[in-house]
Structure formats: structure tokens, C-alpha cells
N, C-alpha and C. Protein backbone atom coordinates (compact mmCIF):
# COMPACT_ATOMS: atom_id res chain seq x y z
N MET A 1 137.13 -116.85 60.93
CA MET A 1 136.64 -118.20 61.08
C MET A 1 135.43 -118.37 60.16
N SER A 2 135.13 -119.60 59.85
CA SER A 2 133.97 -119.81 58.99
C SER A 2 133.23 -121.07 59.39
N GLY A 3 131.98 -121.08 59.00
CA GLY A 3 131.11 -122.20 59.29
C GLY A 3 131.13 -123.18 58.13
N PRO A 4 130.08 -123.98 58.03
CA PRO A 4 130.00 -124.94 56.93
C PRO A 4 130.11 -124.25 55.57
N LEU A 5 130.77 -124.90 54.66
CA LEU A 5 130.93 -124.42 53.29
C LEU A 5 131.64 -123.07 53.21
N GLY A 6 132.45 -122.74 54.21
CA GLY A 6 133.22 -121.51 54.19
C GLY A 6 132.44 -120.24 54.45
N VAL A 7 131.19 -120.36 54.91
CA VAL A 7 130.38 -119.18 55.20
C VAL A 7 130.96 -118.48 56.43
N PRO A 8 131.19 -117.17 56.35
CA PRO A 8 131.78 -116.47 57.49
C PRO A 8 130.90 -116.56 58.74
N SER A 9 131.48 -117.09 59.78
CA SER A 9 130.80 -117.15 61.08
C SER A 9 131.86 -117.34 62.14
N ASP A 10 131.51 -117.13 63.37
CA ASP A 10 132.44 -117.29 64.48
C ASP A 10 131.67 -117.89 65.65
N GLU A 11 131.70 -119.21 65.74
CA GLU A 11 130.91 -119.91 66.74
C GLU A 11 131.32 -119.53 68.16
N VAL A 12 132.62 -119.38 68.40
CA VAL A 12 133.09 -118.99 69.73
C VAL A 12 132.55 -117.62 70.11
N ALA A 13 132.61 -116.68 69.18
CA ALA A 13 132.10 -115.33 69.44
C ALA A 13 130.60 -115.37 69.69
N GLU A 14 129.88 -116.16 68.91
CA GLU A 14 128.44 -116.25 69.11
C GLU A 14 128.10 -116.83 70.48
N ILE A 15 128.80 -117.90 70.87
CA ILE A 15 128.55 -118.52 72.18
C ILE A 15 128.85 -117.54 73.30
N THR A 16 129.96 -116.82 73.18
CA THR A 16 130.33 -115.87 74.22
C THR A 16 129.30 -114.76 74.34
N ALA A 17 128.90 -114.21 73.22
CA ALA A 17 127.94 -113.09 73.25
C ALA A 17 126.58 -113.54 73.77
N VAL A 18 126.07 -114.65 73.25
CA VAL A 18 124.73 -115.08 73.65
C VAL A 18 124.74 -115.60 75.09
N GLY A 19 125.84 -116.24 75.50
CA GLY A 19 125.94 -116.70 76.88
C GLY A 19 125.91 -115.55 77.87
N ALA A 20 126.58 -114.47 77.52
CA ALA A 20 126.57 -113.28 78.39
C ALA A 20 125.16 -112.72 78.50
N CYS A 21 124.41 -112.77 77.40
CA CYS A 21 123.04 -112.24 77.41
C CYS A 21 122.12 -113.10 78.27
N VAL A 22 122.34 -114.39 78.26
CA VAL A 22 121.54 -115.28 79.11
C VAL A 22 121.85 -114.99 80.57
N ASP A 23 123.11 -114.73 80.87
CA ASP A 23 123.53 -114.45 82.25
C ASP A 23 122.78 -113.27 82.86
N MET A 24 122.76 -112.16 82.14
CA MET A 24 122.17 -110.93 82.70
C MET A 24 121.55 -110.09 81.58
N HIS A 25 120.40 -109.50 81.87
CA HIS A 25 119.74 -108.66 80.87
C HIS A 25 120.57 -107.41 80.58
N ALA A 26 121.32 -106.94 81.55
CA ALA A 26 122.18 -105.77 81.32
C ALA A 26 123.16 -106.07 80.19
N ASN A 27 123.68 -107.30 80.13
CA ASN A 27 124.56 -107.69 79.03
C ASN A 27 123.82 -107.66 77.71
N TYR A 28 122.58 -108.15 77.71
CA TYR A 28 121.78 -108.12 76.48
C TYR A 28 121.59 -106.68 76.01
N ARG A 29 121.23 -105.80 76.93
CA ARG A 29 121.01 -104.39 76.54
C ARG A 29 122.27 -103.80 75.93
N ARG A 30 123.42 -104.06 76.54
CA ARG A 30 124.67 -103.49 76.05
C ARG A 30 125.07 -104.11 74.70
N LEU A 31 125.00 -105.44 74.59
CA LEU A 31 125.46 -106.10 73.37
C LEU A 31 124.48 -105.93 72.21
N SER A 32 123.20 -105.74 72.52
CA SER A 32 122.24 -105.57 71.43
C SER A 32 122.42 -104.23 70.70
N ALA A 33 123.23 -103.35 71.26
CA ALA A 33 123.59 -102.12 70.53
C ALA A 33 124.56 -102.44 69.40
N THR A 34 125.23 -103.61 69.48
CA THR A 34 126.20 -104.01 68.47
C THR A 34 125.66 -105.08 67.53
N VAL A 35 124.95 -106.05 68.09
CA VAL A 35 124.46 -107.17 67.29
C VAL A 35 122.94 -107.28 67.36
N SER A 36 122.38 -107.92 66.36
CA SER A 36 120.95 -108.25 66.36
C SER A 36 120.85 -109.76 66.18
N ALA A 37 119.67 -110.29 66.35
CA ALA A 37 119.47 -111.73 66.20
C ALA A 37 119.88 -112.18 64.79
N ASP A 38 119.64 -111.33 63.80
CA ASP A 38 119.99 -111.68 62.41
C ASP A 38 121.49 -111.82 62.19
N ASP A 39 122.30 -111.27 63.09
CA ASP A 39 123.75 -111.36 62.94
C ASP A 39 124.28 -112.76 63.29
N PHE A 40 123.50 -113.54 64.02
CA PHE A 40 123.96 -114.87 64.43
C PHE A 40 123.77 -115.87 63.31
N TYR A 41 124.82 -116.59 62.98
CA TYR A 41 124.78 -117.58 61.91
C TYR A 41 124.08 -118.86 62.38
N TRP A 42 124.40 -119.31 63.57
CA TRP A 42 123.88 -120.57 64.08
C TRP A 42 122.47 -120.35 64.61
N PRO A 43 121.48 -121.11 64.10
CA PRO A 43 120.07 -120.90 64.49
C PRO A 43 119.81 -120.96 65.99
N ALA A 44 120.44 -121.88 66.69
CA ALA A 44 120.22 -121.97 68.15
C ALA A 44 120.67 -120.69 68.85
N HIS A 45 121.78 -120.12 68.40
CA HIS A 45 122.27 -118.87 69.00
C HIS A 45 121.32 -117.72 68.68
N ARG A 46 120.83 -117.69 67.45
CA ARG A 46 119.88 -116.65 67.04
C ARG A 46 118.61 -116.70 67.90
N ARG A 47 118.08 -117.91 68.05
CA ARG A 47 116.86 -118.06 68.86
C ARG A 47 117.10 -117.71 70.32
N LEU A 48 118.25 -118.07 70.83
CA LEU A 48 118.58 -117.76 72.23
C LEU A 48 118.73 -116.26 72.43
N PHE A 49 119.36 -115.57 71.49
CA PHE A 49 119.49 -114.12 71.59
C PHE A 49 118.11 -113.46 71.56
N GLU A 50 117.24 -113.93 70.67
CA GLU A 50 115.88 -113.40 70.63
C GLU A 50 115.16 -113.63 71.95
N ALA A 51 115.34 -114.80 72.52
CA ALA A 51 114.70 -115.12 73.80
C ALA A 51 115.19 -114.19 74.90
N CYS A 52 116.47 -113.87 74.90
CA CYS A 52 117.03 -112.98 75.92
C CYS A 52 116.37 -111.61 75.89
N GLY A 53 115.98 -111.17 74.71
CA GLY A 53 115.30 -109.88 74.59
C GLY A 53 113.96 -109.85 75.28
N GLN A 54 113.40 -111.02 75.54
CA GLN A 54 112.09 -111.10 76.19
C GLN A 54 112.20 -111.25 77.70
N LEU A 55 113.41 -111.22 78.24
CA LEU A 55 113.61 -111.50 79.66
C LEU A 55 113.98 -110.28 80.49
N ALA A 56 113.54 -109.10 80.06
CA ALA A 56 113.89 -107.87 80.78
C ALA A 56 113.38 -107.89 82.22
N HIS A 57 112.28 -108.58 82.45
CA HIS A 57 111.71 -108.63 83.81
C HIS A 57 112.58 -109.45 84.77
N LEU A 58 113.55 -110.19 84.24
CA LEU A 58 114.45 -110.98 85.08
C LEU A 58 115.84 -110.38 85.02
N ASP A 59 115.99 -109.18 85.55
CA ASP A 59 117.28 -108.50 85.51
C ASP A 59 117.90 -108.55 86.89
N GLY A 60 119.12 -108.95 86.96
CA GLY A 60 119.82 -109.04 88.23
C GLY A 60 120.90 -110.09 88.13
N SER A 61 121.73 -110.20 89.16
CA SER A 61 122.87 -111.11 89.08
C SER A 61 122.80 -112.25 90.10
N SER A 62 121.72 -112.36 90.85
CA SER A 62 121.65 -113.45 91.83
C SER A 62 121.57 -114.79 91.10
N LEU A 63 121.99 -115.85 91.76
CA LEU A 63 121.95 -117.17 91.15
C LEU A 63 120.52 -117.60 90.83
N GLU A 64 119.57 -117.21 91.67
CA GLU A 64 118.18 -117.58 91.41
C GLU A 64 117.67 -116.94 90.13
N ILE A 65 117.97 -115.66 89.95
CA ILE A 65 117.53 -114.96 88.74
C ILE A 65 118.24 -115.54 87.52
N ARG A 66 119.53 -115.81 87.65
CA ARG A 66 120.29 -116.37 86.53
C ARG A 66 119.72 -117.74 86.13
N ASP A 67 119.42 -118.59 87.11
CA ASP A 67 118.87 -119.90 86.81
C ASP A 67 117.50 -119.79 86.14
N GLU A 68 116.69 -118.85 86.62
CA GLU A 68 115.37 -118.65 86.03
C GLU A 68 115.50 -118.15 84.59
N ARG A 69 116.43 -117.22 84.35
CA ARG A 69 116.68 -116.72 82.99
C ARG A 69 117.08 -117.88 82.08
N MET A 70 117.96 -118.76 82.57
CA MET A 70 118.42 -119.88 81.76
C MET A 70 117.27 -120.81 81.39
N LYS A 71 116.41 -121.12 82.36
CA LYS A 71 115.28 -122.02 82.09
C LYS A 71 114.33 -121.42 81.06
N ILE A 72 113.98 -120.16 81.25
CA ILE A 72 113.03 -119.52 80.33
C ILE A 72 113.66 -119.34 78.95
N ALA A 73 114.91 -118.92 78.91
CA ALA A 73 115.59 -118.72 77.63
C ALA A 73 115.66 -120.03 76.85
N ALA A 74 115.99 -121.12 77.53
CA ALA A 74 116.06 -122.42 76.86
C ALA A 74 114.69 -122.80 76.30
N ARG A 75 113.65 -122.60 77.09
CA ARG A 75 112.30 -122.95 76.64
C ARG A 75 111.90 -122.09 75.43
N LEU A 76 112.14 -120.77 75.51
CA LEU A 76 111.78 -119.88 74.40
C LEU A 76 112.56 -120.20 73.13
N ALA A 77 113.82 -120.60 73.29
CA ALA A 77 114.68 -120.88 72.14
C ALA A 77 114.51 -122.30 71.63
N GLY A 78 113.75 -123.11 72.35
CA GLY A 78 113.56 -124.50 71.93
C GLY A 78 114.80 -125.34 72.12
N LEU A 79 115.60 -125.02 73.13
CA LEU A 79 116.84 -125.76 73.40
C LEU A 79 116.66 -126.68 74.59
N SER A 80 117.35 -127.80 74.56
CA SER A 80 117.35 -128.68 75.72
C SER A 80 118.23 -128.07 76.81
N ASP A 81 118.04 -128.52 78.04
CA ASP A 81 118.90 -128.05 79.13
C ASP A 81 120.37 -128.36 78.83
N THR A 82 120.62 -129.52 78.25
CA THR A 82 121.99 -129.93 77.92
C THR A 82 122.61 -128.97 76.91
N ALA A 83 121.86 -128.61 75.87
CA ALA A 83 122.37 -127.69 74.86
C ALA A 83 122.67 -126.32 75.46
N LEU A 84 121.77 -125.83 76.30
CA LEU A 84 122.00 -124.53 76.92
C LEU A 84 123.19 -124.58 77.86
N HIS A 85 123.31 -125.63 78.66
CA HIS A 85 124.45 -125.73 79.58
C HIS A 85 125.77 -125.81 78.82
N SER A 86 125.76 -126.44 77.66
CA SER A 86 126.97 -126.49 76.83
C SER A 86 127.38 -125.08 76.40
N ILE A 87 126.41 -124.28 76.00
CA ILE A 87 126.69 -122.89 75.61
C ILE A 87 127.20 -122.11 76.81
N MET A 88 126.53 -122.27 77.95
CA MET A 88 126.89 -121.49 79.13
C MET A 88 128.28 -121.86 79.66
N GLU A 89 128.67 -123.11 79.53
CA GLU A 89 130.00 -123.54 79.98
C GLU A 89 131.10 -122.95 79.12
N ARG A 90 130.81 -122.64 77.88
CA ARG A 90 131.83 -122.18 76.93
C ARG A 90 131.88 -120.66 76.79
N ARG A 91 131.05 -119.95 77.53
CA ARG A 91 131.02 -118.50 77.39
C ARG A 91 132.14 -117.88 78.21
N CYS A 92 132.33 -116.59 78.02
CA CYS A 92 133.30 -115.80 78.78
C CYS A 92 132.51 -114.81 79.63
N VAL A 93 133.00 -114.51 80.82
CA VAL A 93 132.23 -113.63 81.71
C VAL A 93 132.78 -112.21 81.80
N ARG A 94 133.85 -111.91 81.11
CA ARG A 94 134.40 -110.56 81.17
C ARG A 94 133.68 -109.65 80.19
N ASP A 95 133.19 -108.51 80.68
CA ASP A 95 132.43 -107.59 79.85
C ASP A 95 133.21 -107.08 78.65
N ASP A 96 134.48 -106.74 78.85
CA ASP A 96 135.26 -106.21 77.73
C ASP A 96 135.42 -107.24 76.63
N VAL A 97 135.59 -108.49 77.02
CA VAL A 97 135.71 -109.56 76.03
C VAL A 97 134.38 -109.79 75.33
N ASN A 98 133.28 -109.74 76.07
CA ASN A 98 131.96 -109.92 75.46
C ASN A 98 131.71 -108.89 74.37
N SER A 99 132.12 -107.65 74.58
CA SER A 99 131.93 -106.61 73.57
C SER A 99 132.76 -106.91 72.32
N VAL A 100 133.96 -107.40 72.52
CA VAL A 100 134.81 -107.77 71.38
C VAL A 100 134.14 -108.89 70.58
N TYR A 101 133.64 -109.88 71.29
CA TYR A 101 132.98 -111.00 70.61
C TYR A 101 131.70 -110.56 69.92
N ALA A 102 130.96 -109.65 70.50
CA ALA A 102 129.75 -109.14 69.84
C ALA A 102 130.13 -108.46 68.52
N ARG A 103 131.22 -107.70 68.53
CA ARG A 103 131.68 -107.07 67.28
C ARG A 103 132.09 -108.13 66.25
N ARG A 104 132.72 -109.22 66.71
CA ARG A 104 133.11 -110.29 65.79
C ARG A 104 131.89 -110.96 65.16
N VAL A 105 130.84 -111.15 65.94
CA VAL A 105 129.60 -111.73 65.41
C VAL A 105 129.05 -110.81 64.32
N HIS A 106 129.02 -109.51 64.61
CA HIS A 106 128.49 -108.53 63.66
C HIS A 106 129.36 -108.47 62.39
N GLN A 107 130.67 -108.54 62.54
CA GLN A 107 131.56 -108.50 61.39
C GLN A 107 131.35 -109.73 60.49
N ALA A 108 131.18 -110.89 61.10
CA ALA A 108 130.93 -112.10 60.30
C ALA A 108 129.60 -111.97 59.56
N ALA A 109 128.59 -111.40 60.22
CA ALA A 109 127.29 -111.19 59.56
C ALA A 109 127.44 -110.24 58.37
N ASN A 110 128.22 -109.19 58.55
CA ASN A 110 128.45 -108.26 57.43
C ASN A 110 129.16 -108.95 56.28
N ALA A 111 130.11 -109.81 56.58
CA ALA A 111 130.80 -110.55 55.51
C ALA A 111 129.82 -111.46 54.77
N ARG A 112 128.90 -112.08 55.51
CA ARG A 112 127.88 -112.91 54.85
C ARG A 112 126.99 -112.06 53.94
N ARG A 113 126.65 -110.85 54.40
CA ARG A 113 125.80 -109.97 53.58
C ARG A 113 126.51 -109.55 52.29
N VAL A 114 127.80 -109.28 52.39
CA VAL A 114 128.58 -108.91 51.21
C VAL A 114 128.66 -110.09 50.25
N MET A 115 128.89 -111.30 50.79
CA MET A 115 128.94 -112.49 49.93
C MET A 115 127.60 -112.72 49.23
N GLN A 116 126.51 -112.50 49.95
CA GLN A 116 125.18 -112.67 49.36
C GLN A 116 124.97 -111.67 48.24
N ALA A 117 125.40 -110.44 48.46
CA ALA A 117 125.26 -109.41 47.42
C ALA A 117 126.09 -109.77 46.19
N ALA A 118 127.31 -110.28 46.41
CA ALA A 118 128.15 -110.68 45.28
C ALA A 118 127.48 -111.81 44.49
N GLY A 119 126.91 -112.75 45.21
CA GLY A 119 126.19 -113.83 44.54
C GLY A 119 125.01 -113.31 43.74
N ASN A 120 124.30 -112.34 44.31
CA ASN A 120 123.17 -111.74 43.60
C ASN A 120 123.63 -111.05 42.32
N VAL A 121 124.78 -110.35 42.39
CA VAL A 121 125.32 -109.67 41.20
C VAL A 121 125.61 -110.69 40.10
N PHE A 122 126.31 -111.76 40.45
CA PHE A 122 126.65 -112.77 39.44
C PHE A 122 125.40 -113.42 38.85
N ASN A 123 124.43 -113.72 39.71
CA ASN A 123 123.19 -114.34 39.20
C ASN A 123 122.44 -113.41 38.27
N ARG A 124 122.35 -112.15 38.65
CA ARG A 124 121.60 -111.20 37.83
C ARG A 124 122.32 -110.89 36.52
N LEU A 125 123.66 -110.79 36.58
CA LEU A 125 124.41 -110.56 35.34
C LEU A 125 124.30 -111.78 34.43
N GLY A 126 124.32 -112.96 35.03
CA GLY A 126 124.17 -114.19 34.26
C GLY A 126 122.81 -114.29 33.59
N ALA A 127 121.83 -113.65 34.18
CA ALA A 127 120.48 -113.65 33.61
C ALA A 127 120.32 -112.56 32.55
N GLY A 128 121.39 -111.80 32.29
CA GLY A 128 121.36 -110.82 31.21
C GLY A 128 120.94 -109.42 31.61
N GLU A 129 120.88 -109.13 32.90
CA GLU A 129 120.48 -107.78 33.31
C GLU A 129 121.62 -106.79 33.05
N CYS A 130 121.27 -105.53 32.97
CA CYS A 130 122.21 -104.45 32.69
C CYS A 130 123.20 -104.31 33.86
N VAL A 131 124.48 -104.23 33.55
CA VAL A 131 125.53 -104.16 34.56
C VAL A 131 125.33 -102.98 35.50
N GLU A 132 125.06 -101.79 34.96
CA GLU A 132 124.91 -100.61 35.80
C GLU A 132 123.74 -100.73 36.77
N ASP A 133 122.63 -101.26 36.28
CA ASP A 133 121.46 -101.45 37.14
C ASP A 133 121.75 -102.43 38.27
N VAL A 134 122.33 -103.56 37.91
CA VAL A 134 122.62 -104.61 38.89
C VAL A 134 123.57 -104.09 39.95
N LEU A 135 124.68 -103.52 39.53
CA LEU A 135 125.67 -103.05 40.49
C LEU A 135 125.11 -101.95 41.37
N GLY A 136 124.39 -101.02 40.77
CA GLY A 136 123.81 -99.93 41.54
C GLY A 136 122.85 -100.42 42.61
N GLU A 137 121.98 -101.33 42.25
CA GLU A 137 120.99 -101.83 43.20
C GLU A 137 121.63 -102.70 44.27
N GLU A 138 122.50 -103.61 43.87
CA GLU A 138 123.11 -104.53 44.85
C GLU A 138 124.05 -103.78 45.79
N LEU A 139 124.84 -102.85 45.28
CA LEU A 139 125.72 -102.07 46.15
C LEU A 139 124.92 -101.21 47.11
N LYS A 140 123.83 -100.64 46.62
CA LYS A 140 122.97 -99.83 47.49
C LYS A 140 122.43 -100.69 48.63
N ASP A 141 121.97 -101.90 48.30
CA ASP A 141 121.43 -102.79 49.33
C ASP A 141 122.48 -103.15 50.37
N VAL A 142 123.66 -103.56 49.91
CA VAL A 142 124.67 -104.00 50.87
C VAL A 142 125.29 -102.82 51.61
N LEU A 143 125.46 -101.69 50.95
CA LEU A 143 126.05 -100.53 51.62
C LEU A 143 125.13 -99.98 52.69
N GLY A 144 123.85 -100.12 52.48
CA GLY A 144 122.91 -99.68 53.50
C GLY A 144 123.00 -100.51 54.76
N GLU A 145 123.43 -101.77 54.65
CA GLU A 145 123.53 -102.66 55.79
C GLU A 145 124.93 -102.72 56.39
N VAL A 146 125.91 -102.31 55.65
CA VAL A 146 127.30 -102.43 56.11
C VAL A 146 127.93 -101.05 56.11
N PRO A 147 127.75 -100.29 57.19
CA PRO A 147 128.22 -98.89 57.23
C PRO A 147 129.71 -98.72 56.98
N LEU A 148 130.56 -99.60 57.50
CA LEU A 148 132.00 -99.44 57.30
C LEU A 148 132.36 -99.58 55.83
N LEU A 149 131.72 -100.51 55.16
CA LEU A 149 131.97 -100.69 53.74
C LEU A 149 131.48 -99.48 52.97
N ALA A 150 130.36 -98.94 53.37
CA ALA A 150 129.82 -97.75 52.70
C ALA A 150 130.81 -96.60 52.80
N GLY A 151 131.39 -96.39 53.95
CA GLY A 151 132.36 -95.32 54.12
C GLY A 151 133.59 -95.52 53.26
N ALA A 152 134.05 -96.74 53.17
CA ALA A 152 135.23 -97.05 52.35
C ALA A 152 134.93 -96.85 50.87
N MET A 153 133.72 -97.18 50.43
CA MET A 153 133.37 -97.05 49.03
C MET A 153 133.21 -95.59 48.61
N ARG A 154 132.90 -94.71 49.54
CA ARG A 154 132.69 -93.30 49.20
C ARG A 154 133.99 -92.52 49.08
N ARG A 155 135.07 -93.10 49.57
CA ARG A 155 136.37 -92.38 49.55
C ARG A 155 137.02 -92.41 48.21
């Protein structure tokens, strides 16, 4: 899936992952092993994920704790109650599905990083830089951030 202008993103995956994190801090702890705030394409989702990281003191599954997490997360992320409720209504509550969606968010972020590196290569080559220098530096940068790609390139 892609966002505006064909940029790789997955809004459904982002909503599912960030919604699970708002629900319970245990979900945030588990999913943050796969994704970081920088992996989210949509700014509201990124801010909400960052806010969830600050809510460790509100861990639990009671409705009161969940409601308090939602209020604080919305305030920290700068979201209206309506915007947050829209995200929460569209999330999935199954843990196995949340992990799949977290991986999809991370994969889309990696695709964006590769596209950015490709753009950097073309810009630098267009500016007359040496091909070997440009490719070496840009591949090193992107391979350091995209472990699966790094493994494939070494084979």
C-alpha cells in the first residue's frame, strides 16, 4: 500500500499498531521491539506512538486505565478526542494481528528509506560526484538501517 504520491505506507497497519499501544502499555513494549516512532509515515500516528512510550505508569487493562491512557495520549500527541476515537475504532485487538501489522509498518518504513537512498544516489550522481563514492556511502547508510536488505546484498 502507499500513501500520497506513491510513498510506501500502510495506514491500516499504522492504525492497528498504534491503537494497540494506546490500549495497553504491554502492547507498546512488545510492538516497540519491531517499530519505532520514525517508522510511522502519518504524523498523527508517529506522535501517538511517541506518547504511548510515556505512559508506562498507566499499565493495565481496566476500562478506567484504558480511558486515562487515551486521554493522556491524545493530549500528548496533540489529537482531538474525535481523531483518537477514530483511530481506536479502526484498530484490531488480537495480539498476533498487531505483531503482523507492526512488521508491515516497519517494512513500509524500510521501503521509504531505500527510496530516499535511491533519490540521494541520483541527486549526487547528477551533481557530478564519483559513482563509487556515492554508491558506497549511500548503500552503507541504507544497509545499516535495513538489515534484511544488508543480508541480501552480502550474498
